[in-house]
Amino acid sequence: MKYPLHPFWQTLLFPFALLYGLVVSLRNMLYDLDILKGYEFDIPVISVGNITVGGTGKTPHVEYLIRLLSRYYRVAVLSRGYKRKTRGFLIAGPESTVNDLGDEPYQMHKKFPEVKIIVDEKRVRALKKIEKEMEDIEVVIMDDAFQHRSVKPGLSMLLIEYNFPLSKELYLPAGRMRESRHEKKRADLVIFTKCPGTLKPIEERIRVKHFNPFPYQSVYFTRIVYGDPLPVFSGNTDRDHGLNRQTAVLAVAGIANPEPFVRYLKSVTDHVELLSYPDHYRFGKKDLEKIGRKYEEINAEKKMILTTEKDAMRLEAFCTFDPPFREMWFYIPIEITVLQSSEKQDFENQILQYAGSHKRNHGVHKEQIVW
C-alpha cells in the first residue's frame, strides 16, 4: 500500500485504524504493567526499529553497527526474515539464498560473510539458542524489533525519517503508524534518518526541541551516502556503468519509499523514469520482460537500468537470462553516515560502551578499544 493515502481512503479506513490503535495500546500497557513478560538476556542485545511502516533505513543502520562492532566483537544479526520461504531458526551459510533468508538478511550475509546472520520468526527462541549454544557470540543486533516486546533489549535504537511528521500521522491501515508516537519513550537512541546533507546544527537543535526527547535519550542525525553503480549479475563487469548527466536511467524500485533513491538519480542525470513496485516485491518473469521492453523504448546513446541494493538481492534469481538482458542491470549500494563528526564519535562511543560494559564482554575484546 502506498502512503500517504488519498483522503477518501483515510476516511474509509479510519475506524479500522482506531481499532488497531486500541489493540496495540492495550498490548503495550500489558507489557508496561509487567502482566505480559519481556525476556532479558545476559548477552548484549541492540534493537534497531521504527514506529512507522517501512522506509526509515533500518538495513543500512544495522550494517553501520556491524562495521562498528565487528572491529571489536563477534557479532550476530537476528532478523525474522520477512517473506522468506523457510521457517524456524536458520543460520545463513554458503548455500543460503534470498528465499531462505529474506532479502535484507541475505544482503547482509553477502556483504558480511564473517558475521552470523540468523533468521527466526520467534526472537526469544533464537536468543535463548544463541546464548546457550553460541558462546563465541558477544553482541546481537536485532533487526526491526522495536515492536517485539517479548525481548527487552539492552539498548534500543529508534529510527524516524527526517521528513516524516509523526504528529500528523494515523495508525495503520489509514496511516503509517505501527504504534503511538508516545512509545518513543522506550528508545535509548533516537536517529533521524535520510536527512539532507546540508542540515545545519541549528536545524538539528530545532528538530530535537520539537521532538522533545526524554532526559535519558540521545538524538542523532544520519544521511544516506550513495555509491557507484555495481552490476546486479556476476560477470557483468565490462560494460561502462558510470553515471553522468547524459545517462538515461530506468529506475526499478520495490521498496517502501523510493523517493530518496529517485531524488539522488535526478541529481546526477537528466533522464530518469521510474517503475515502482511494492516493498519486498517478488519479481517474476513477466515483470522482467515488461522492464526490458520499457528499457528498449528509451531512445538514448547511453542508458541503463538502475535498482536498489535490496531489490538486487531478489533479482539474482534471473541470472540465467540471456547476457544482453543481464548487462542492462546495475544497483546503487548505500551506506549511512552521522551528519556531524562530533556527534558520530558520541554515537559510536555510546554503542561501544554499552557492548563493552556488559558482563558477558568484560575484558573480552578483539583489540583494545580507545574511547
Protein backbone atom coordinates (compact mmCIF):
# COMPACT_ATOMS: atom_id res chain seq x y z
CA MET A 1 0.00 0.00 0.00
CA LYS A 2 1.32 3.43 -0.96
CA TYR A 3 1.31 6.22 1.64
CA PRO A 4 0.07 8.84 2.17
CA LEU A 5 -3.37 7.59 1.24
CA HIS A 6 -5.98 9.64 -0.56
CA PRO A 7 -8.27 11.40 1.98
CA PHE A 8 -11.19 9.22 0.82
CA TRP A 9 -9.33 6.04 1.78
CA GLN A 10 -8.11 7.59 5.02
CA THR A 11 -11.72 8.35 5.99
CA LEU A 12 -12.92 4.89 4.98
CA LEU A 13 -10.14 3.13 6.90
CA PHE A 14 -10.22 5.40 9.96
CA PRO A 15 -12.46 3.09 12.09
CA PHE A 16 -10.05 0.20 11.44
CA ALA A 17 -7.16 2.45 12.42
CA LEU A 18 -8.89 3.26 15.71
CA LEU A 19 -9.39 -0.43 16.42
CA TYR A 20 -5.77 -1.19 15.51
CA GLY A 21 -4.54 1.61 17.78
CA LEU A 22 -6.67 0.34 20.66
CA VAL A 23 -5.29 -3.20 20.36
CA VAL A 24 -1.67 -2.02 20.12
CA SER A 25 -2.06 0.39 23.04
CA LEU A 26 -3.63 -2.33 25.19
CA ARG A 27 -0.78 -4.69 24.36
CA ASN A 28 1.82 -2.07 25.27
CA MET A 29 0.01 -1.31 28.52
CA LEU A 30 0.11 -5.00 29.50
CA TYR A 31 3.86 -5.05 28.91
CA ASP A 32 4.33 -1.78 30.82
CA LEU A 33 2.42 -3.24 33.79
CA ASP A 34 4.50 -6.45 33.59
CA ILE A 35 1.39 -8.53 33.01
CA LEU A 36 2.96 -9.65 29.76
CA LYS A 37 6.61 -10.51 30.35
CA GLY A 38 9.61 -9.46 28.33
CA TYR A 39 12.78 -11.57 28.47
CA GLU A 40 16.19 -10.13 29.32
CA PHE A 41 19.40 -11.86 28.25
CA ASP A 42 22.97 -11.98 29.52
CA ILE A 43 24.27 -11.35 26.02
CA PRO A 44 24.22 -7.69 24.85
CA VAL A 45 21.21 -7.11 22.57
CA ILE A 46 20.87 -3.95 20.46
CA SER A 47 17.44 -3.41 18.90
CA VAL A 48 17.00 -1.37 15.71
CA GLY A 49 13.45 -0.46 14.70
CA ASN A 50 10.85 2.16 13.97
CA ILE A 51 7.25 3.09 14.79
CA THR A 52 6.20 3.52 11.17
CA VAL A 53 5.92 1.05 8.30
CA GLY A 54 8.97 0.89 6.06
CA GLY A 55 11.25 3.50 4.62
CA THR A 56 13.36 4.58 7.61
CA GLY A 57 16.57 2.84 6.54
CA LYS A 58 16.86 0.03 9.08
CA THR A 59 19.14 -2.18 6.97
CA PRO A 60 21.91 0.40 6.32
CA HIS A 61 21.84 1.34 10.01
CA VAL A 62 22.21 -2.31 11.02
CA GLU A 63 25.11 -2.55 8.55
CA TYR A 64 26.69 0.52 10.17
CA LEU A 65 26.51 -1.24 13.54
CA ILE A 66 28.01 -4.40 12.03
CA ARG A 67 31.00 -2.45 10.69
CA LEU A 68 31.50 -0.69 14.01
CA LEU A 69 31.03 -3.60 16.41
CA SER A 70 32.75 -6.33 14.39
CA ARG A 71 36.06 -4.47 14.81
CA TYR A 72 35.97 -5.47 18.48
CA TYR A 73 33.37 -8.20 18.99
CA ARG A 74 31.98 -11.31 17.38
CA VAL A 75 28.61 -10.14 16.13
CA ALA A 76 25.36 -11.86 15.20
CA VAL A 77 22.38 -10.26 13.49
CA LEU A 78 18.92 -11.62 14.29
CA SER A 79 16.02 -10.98 11.89
CA ARG A 80 12.65 -12.58 11.41
CA GLY A 81 13.48 -12.97 7.70
CA TYR A 82 10.46 -11.21 6.26
CA LYS A 83 8.95 -13.04 3.24
CA ARG A 84 11.46 -15.88 3.35
CA LYS A 85 10.24 -19.29 2.22
CA THR A 86 11.63 -21.15 5.22
CA ARG A 87 10.55 -21.35 8.84
CA GLY A 88 12.19 -21.67 12.22
CA PHE A 89 15.76 -21.00 13.33
CA LEU A 90 18.26 -20.74 10.47
CA ILE A 91 21.87 -19.58 10.27
CA ALA A 92 23.00 -18.23 6.90
CA GLY A 93 25.60 -20.35 5.16
CA PRO A 94 27.45 -20.54 1.82
CA GLU A 95 24.47 -22.20 0.12
CA SER A 96 21.81 -19.85 1.53
CA THR A 97 19.59 -17.99 -0.93
CA VAL A 98 17.32 -14.99 -0.74
CA ASN A 99 14.38 -17.41 -0.45
CA ASP A 100 15.98 -19.00 2.61
CA LEU A 101 16.70 -15.75 4.46
CA GLY A 102 14.64 -12.91 3.01
CA ASP A 103 16.12 -10.04 1.02
CA GLU A 104 17.54 -7.91 3.84
CA PRO A 105 19.27 -10.72 5.81
CA TYR A 106 20.58 -12.13 2.52
CA GLN A 107 22.03 -8.74 1.62
CA MET A 108 23.83 -8.56 4.96
CA HIS A 109 25.05 -12.15 4.60
CA LYS A 110 26.62 -11.34 1.21
CA LYS A 111 28.28 -8.19 2.49
CA PHE A 112 29.45 -9.60 5.83
CA PRO A 113 30.09 -13.34 5.38
CA GLU A 114 32.15 -13.41 8.60
CA VAL A 115 29.12 -12.30 10.66
CA LYS A 116 26.49 -14.79 11.77
CA ILE A 117 23.19 -13.82 10.14
CA ILE A 118 20.33 -15.63 11.86
CA VAL A 119 16.63 -15.67 10.98
CA ASP A 120 13.83 -16.83 13.23
CA GLU A 121 10.25 -15.61 13.50
CA LYS A 122 10.45 -16.27 17.27
CA ARG A 123 13.10 -13.91 18.60
CA VAL A 124 13.04 -15.21 22.20
CA ARG A 125 13.66 -18.75 21.00
CA ALA A 126 16.54 -17.59 18.81
CA LEU A 127 18.19 -15.53 21.55
CA LYS A 128 17.95 -18.42 24.01
CA LYS A 129 19.64 -20.64 21.46
CA ILE A 130 22.34 -18.07 20.73
CA GLU A 131 23.02 -17.52 24.43
CA LYS A 132 23.16 -21.21 25.23
CA GLU A 133 24.85 -22.71 22.17
CA MET A 134 26.96 -19.90 20.66
CA GLU A 135 29.34 -18.85 23.39
CA ASP A 136 31.57 -17.09 20.86
CA ILE A 137 28.86 -14.51 20.05
CA GLU A 138 29.45 -11.33 22.07
CA VAL A 139 26.81 -8.94 20.68
CA VAL A 140 23.46 -9.47 18.94
CA ILE A 141 21.90 -6.82 16.69
CA MET A 142 18.15 -7.40 16.48
CA ASP A 143 16.69 -6.02 13.25
CA ASP A 144 13.20 -4.46 13.05
CA ALA A 145 12.43 -5.22 16.68
CA PHE A 146 11.02 -2.07 18.30
CA GLN A 147 7.57 -3.67 18.50
CA HIS A 148 8.94 -7.05 19.61
CA ARG A 149 8.37 -6.50 23.31
CA SER A 150 8.81 -10.13 24.33
CA VAL A 151 12.52 -9.25 24.26
CA LYS A 152 13.94 -6.48 26.48
CA PRO A 153 16.97 -5.19 24.58
CA GLY A 154 19.86 -3.69 26.48
CA LEU A 155 19.99 -0.80 24.02
CA SER A 156 17.09 0.29 21.82
CA MET A 157 17.57 2.42 18.70
CA LEU A 158 14.50 4.12 17.20
CA LEU A 159 14.70 5.36 13.59
CA ILE A 160 12.49 8.24 12.42
CA GLU A 161 12.54 9.54 8.86
CA TYR A 162 13.54 13.22 8.92
CA ASN A 163 10.81 14.41 6.54
CA PHE A 164 8.06 12.29 8.12
CA PRO A 165 5.84 14.33 10.51
CA LEU A 166 4.81 11.86 13.23
CA SER A 167 2.46 14.40 14.78
CA LYS A 168 0.21 14.39 11.68
CA GLU A 169 0.10 10.65 11.01
CA LEU A 170 -2.56 8.00 11.66
CA TYR A 171 -2.45 4.38 12.74
CA LEU A 172 -2.42 1.58 10.21
CA PRO A 173 -4.16 1.00 7.86
CA ALA A 174 -5.23 4.64 7.42
CA GLY A 175 -1.70 5.88 8.04
CA ARG A 176 1.84 4.59 8.61
CA MET A 177 1.97 4.42 12.41
CA ARG A 178 2.63 0.96 13.84
CA GLU A 179 2.05 2.25 17.36
CA SER A 180 1.62 5.52 19.24
CA ARG A 181 4.29 8.20 18.87
CA HIS A 182 4.35 8.30 22.69
CA GLU A 183 6.06 4.88 22.65
CA LYS A 184 9.24 6.71 21.71
CA LYS A 185 9.85 6.57 25.47
CA ARG A 186 11.19 3.02 25.06
CA ALA A 187 14.15 4.15 22.93
CA ASP A 188 17.62 4.89 24.27
CA LEU A 189 18.86 6.37 20.99
CA VAL A 190 16.67 8.27 18.52
CA ILE A 191 18.01 8.59 14.97
CA PHE A 192 16.56 10.99 12.43
CA THR A 193 17.34 9.30 9.12
CA LYS A 194 17.56 10.36 5.46
CA CYS A 195 18.49 13.91 6.44
CA PRO A 196 19.56 16.46 3.82
CA GLY A 197 23.35 16.68 3.63
CA THR A 198 23.20 20.44 4.16
CA LEU A 199 21.41 20.22 7.53
CA LYS A 200 22.87 22.81 9.92
CA PRO A 201 23.40 22.33 13.66
CA ILE A 202 20.74 24.97 14.41
CA GLU A 203 18.24 22.98 12.33
CA GLU A 204 19.13 19.87 14.30
CA ARG A 205 18.51 21.71 17.57
CA ILE A 206 15.10 22.89 16.37
CA ARG A 207 14.13 19.33 15.40
CA VAL A 208 15.31 17.98 18.76
CA LYS A 209 13.34 20.64 20.63
CA HIS A 210 10.20 19.80 18.66
CA PHE A 211 10.71 16.07 19.24
CA ASN A 212 11.10 16.72 22.98
CA PRO A 213 13.22 13.70 23.95
CA PHE A 214 13.34 12.32 27.45
CA PRO A 215 16.46 13.18 29.51
CA TYR A 216 17.85 9.66 29.12
CA GLN A 217 17.59 9.72 25.31
CA SER A 218 20.34 10.67 22.87
CA VAL A 219 19.35 12.07 19.47
CA TYR A 220 21.42 11.79 16.28
CA PHE A 221 21.02 12.65 12.60
CA THR A 222 22.14 10.49 9.67
CA ARG A 223 22.07 10.72 5.91
CA ILE A 224 22.38 8.27 3.03
CA VAL A 225 25.64 8.07 1.07
CA TYR A 226 25.20 6.59 -2.42
CA GLY A 227 27.98 4.57 -4.01
CA ASP A 228 28.89 3.98 -7.64
CA PRO A 229 26.68 1.60 -9.66
CA LEU A 230 27.57 -2.09 -9.41
CA PRO A 231 26.40 -4.94 -11.65
CA VAL A 232 23.39 -6.91 -10.40
CA PHE A 233 24.56 -10.09 -12.13
CA SER A 234 28.06 -11.51 -11.74
CA GLY A 235 30.24 -11.39 -14.80
CA ASN A 236 28.75 -8.09 -15.95
CA THR A 237 31.92 -6.06 -15.46
CA ASP A 238 32.95 -4.93 -18.94
CA ARG A 239 30.04 -2.60 -19.62
CA ASP A 240 30.51 1.11 -18.87
CA HIS A 241 28.40 1.73 -15.78
CA GLY A 242 29.46 5.27 -14.93
CA LEU A 243 26.70 7.85 -14.43
CA ASN A 244 26.72 11.32 -15.99
CA ARG A 245 24.17 13.95 -16.95
CA GLN A 246 23.54 12.31 -20.36
CA THR A 247 22.89 8.81 -19.00
CA ALA A 248 19.26 7.75 -19.43
CA VAL A 249 18.16 5.71 -16.40
CA LEU A 250 15.23 3.38 -15.96
CA ALA A 251 14.87 3.16 -12.19
CA VAL A 252 13.29 -0.01 -10.80
CA ALA A 253 12.37 0.05 -7.10
CA GLY A 254 10.47 -2.40 -4.94
CA ILE A 255 10.99 -0.58 -1.64
CA ALA A 256 8.70 1.23 0.81
CA ASN A 257 9.80 4.75 -0.15
CA PRO A 258 11.65 5.14 -3.47
CA GLU A 259 11.64 8.96 -3.37
CA PRO A 260 15.17 9.42 -1.92
CA PHE A 261 16.54 6.92 -4.47
CA VAL A 262 14.88 8.76 -7.37
CA ARG A 263 15.90 12.14 -5.96
CA TYR A 264 19.52 11.02 -5.92
CA LEU A 265 19.35 9.74 -9.51
CA LYS A 266 17.86 13.03 -10.68
CA SER A 267 20.76 14.85 -9.03
CA VAL A 268 23.29 13.00 -11.21
CA THR A 269 21.46 12.53 -14.52
CA ASP A 270 18.86 14.43 -16.54
CA HIS A 271 16.74 11.48 -17.67
CA VAL A 272 15.08 9.24 -15.05
CA GLU A 273 11.99 7.08 -15.47
CA LEU A 274 10.65 5.13 -12.51
CA LEU A 275 8.94 1.75 -12.36
CA SER A 276 7.77 1.37 -8.76
CA TYR A 277 6.67 -1.85 -7.07
CA PRO A 278 5.52 -2.70 -3.52
CA ASP A 279 8.08 -3.19 -0.76
CA HIS A 280 9.83 -6.61 -0.83
CA TYR A 281 8.24 -7.26 -4.23
CA ARG A 282 8.99 -10.67 -5.72
CA PHE A 283 9.76 -10.03 -9.37
CA GLY A 284 8.54 -12.57 -11.89
CA LYS A 285 9.50 -13.37 -15.46
CA LYS A 286 6.68 -11.19 -16.84
CA ASP A 287 7.84 -8.24 -14.73
CA LEU A 288 11.34 -8.55 -16.12
CA GLU A 289 10.04 -8.79 -19.68
CA LYS A 290 7.98 -5.64 -19.15
CA ILE A 291 11.01 -3.84 -17.73
CA GLY A 292 13.09 -5.00 -20.70
CA ARG A 293 10.52 -3.60 -23.16
CA LYS A 294 10.44 -0.29 -21.29
CA TYR A 295 14.22 -0.14 -21.44
CA GLU A 296 14.21 -0.72 -25.22
CA GLU A 297 11.77 2.17 -25.67
CA ILE A 298 14.25 4.63 -24.20
CA ASN A 299 15.96 6.49 -27.02
CA ALA A 300 19.40 7.42 -25.74
CA GLU A 301 23.00 6.76 -26.71
CA LYS A 302 23.83 5.62 -23.17
CA LYS A 303 21.18 4.02 -20.97
CA MET A 304 20.98 1.62 -18.06
CA ILE A 305 18.58 0.03 -15.59
CA LEU A 306 19.33 1.02 -12.01
CA THR A 307 17.76 -0.62 -8.99
CA THR A 308 18.27 -0.57 -5.24
CA GLU A 309 20.65 -2.83 -3.35
CA LYS A 310 17.75 -4.62 -1.67
CA ASP A 311 15.99 -5.23 -5.00
CA ALA A 312 19.23 -6.58 -6.47
CA MET A 313 19.15 -9.43 -3.95
CA ARG A 314 15.75 -10.59 -5.27
CA LEU A 315 16.78 -10.18 -8.90
CA GLU A 316 19.71 -12.59 -8.61
CA ALA A 317 17.33 -15.46 -9.37
CA PHE A 318 17.25 -14.28 -13.01
CA CYS A 319 20.98 -14.86 -13.56
CA THR A 320 20.14 -17.45 -16.24
CA PHE A 321 18.63 -14.83 -18.54
CA ASP A 322 20.49 -14.04 -21.75
CA PRO A 323 23.67 -11.92 -21.31
CA PRO A 324 22.30 -8.87 -23.22
CA PHE A 325 19.45 -8.68 -20.71
CA ARG A 326 21.71 -9.10 -17.67
CA GLU A 327 24.12 -6.44 -18.90
CA MET A 328 21.43 -3.75 -18.58
CA TRP A 329 21.16 -4.11 -14.79
CA PHE A 330 23.06 -2.25 -12.07
CA TYR A 331 22.31 -1.29 -8.50
CA ILE A 332 23.33 1.58 -6.23
CA PRO A 333 24.93 0.49 -2.93
CA ILE A 334 24.22 2.72 0.05
CA GLU A 335 25.68 3.41 3.48
CA ILE A 336 24.72 5.87 6.18
CA THR A 337 26.84 8.43 7.95
CA VAL A 338 26.25 10.55 11.03
CA LEU A 339 26.00 14.16 9.90
CA GLN A 340 28.26 15.95 12.39
CA SER A 341 31.71 14.49 13.10
CA SER A 342 31.47 15.25 16.83
CA GLU A 343 28.10 13.51 17.01
CA LYS A 344 29.50 10.50 15.13
CA GLN A 345 32.12 9.96 17.83
CA ASP A 346 29.50 10.27 20.59
CA PHE A 347 27.19 7.86 18.77
CA GLU A 348 29.86 5.22 18.26
CA ASN A 349 31.14 5.59 21.82
CA GLN A 350 27.65 5.04 23.19
CA ILE A 351 27.29 1.81 21.21
CA LEU A 352 30.74 0.50 22.13
CA GLN A 353 30.44 1.45 25.80
CA TYR A 354 27.19 -0.49 26.09
CA ALA A 355 28.70 -3.59 24.49
CA GLY A 356 31.93 -3.31 26.49
CA SER A 357 30.29 -2.73 29.86
CA HIS A 358 28.08 -5.79 29.58
CA LYS A 359 29.05 -8.62 31.91
CA ARG A 360 29.40 -11.18 29.08
CA ASN A 361 32.08 -9.00 27.47
CA HIS A 362 34.02 -7.68 30.46
CA GLY A 363 37.66 -7.72 29.39
CA VAL A 364 36.89 -9.56 26.14
CA HIS A 365 37.83 -7.56 23.03
CA LYS A 366 39.29 -8.37 19.67
CA GLU A 367 41.56 -5.39 20.22
CA GLN A 368 41.79 -2.59 22.73
CA ILE A 369 39.05 0.00 22.35
CA VAL A 370 40.17 3.60 22.68
CA TRP A 371 37.28 5.91 23.57
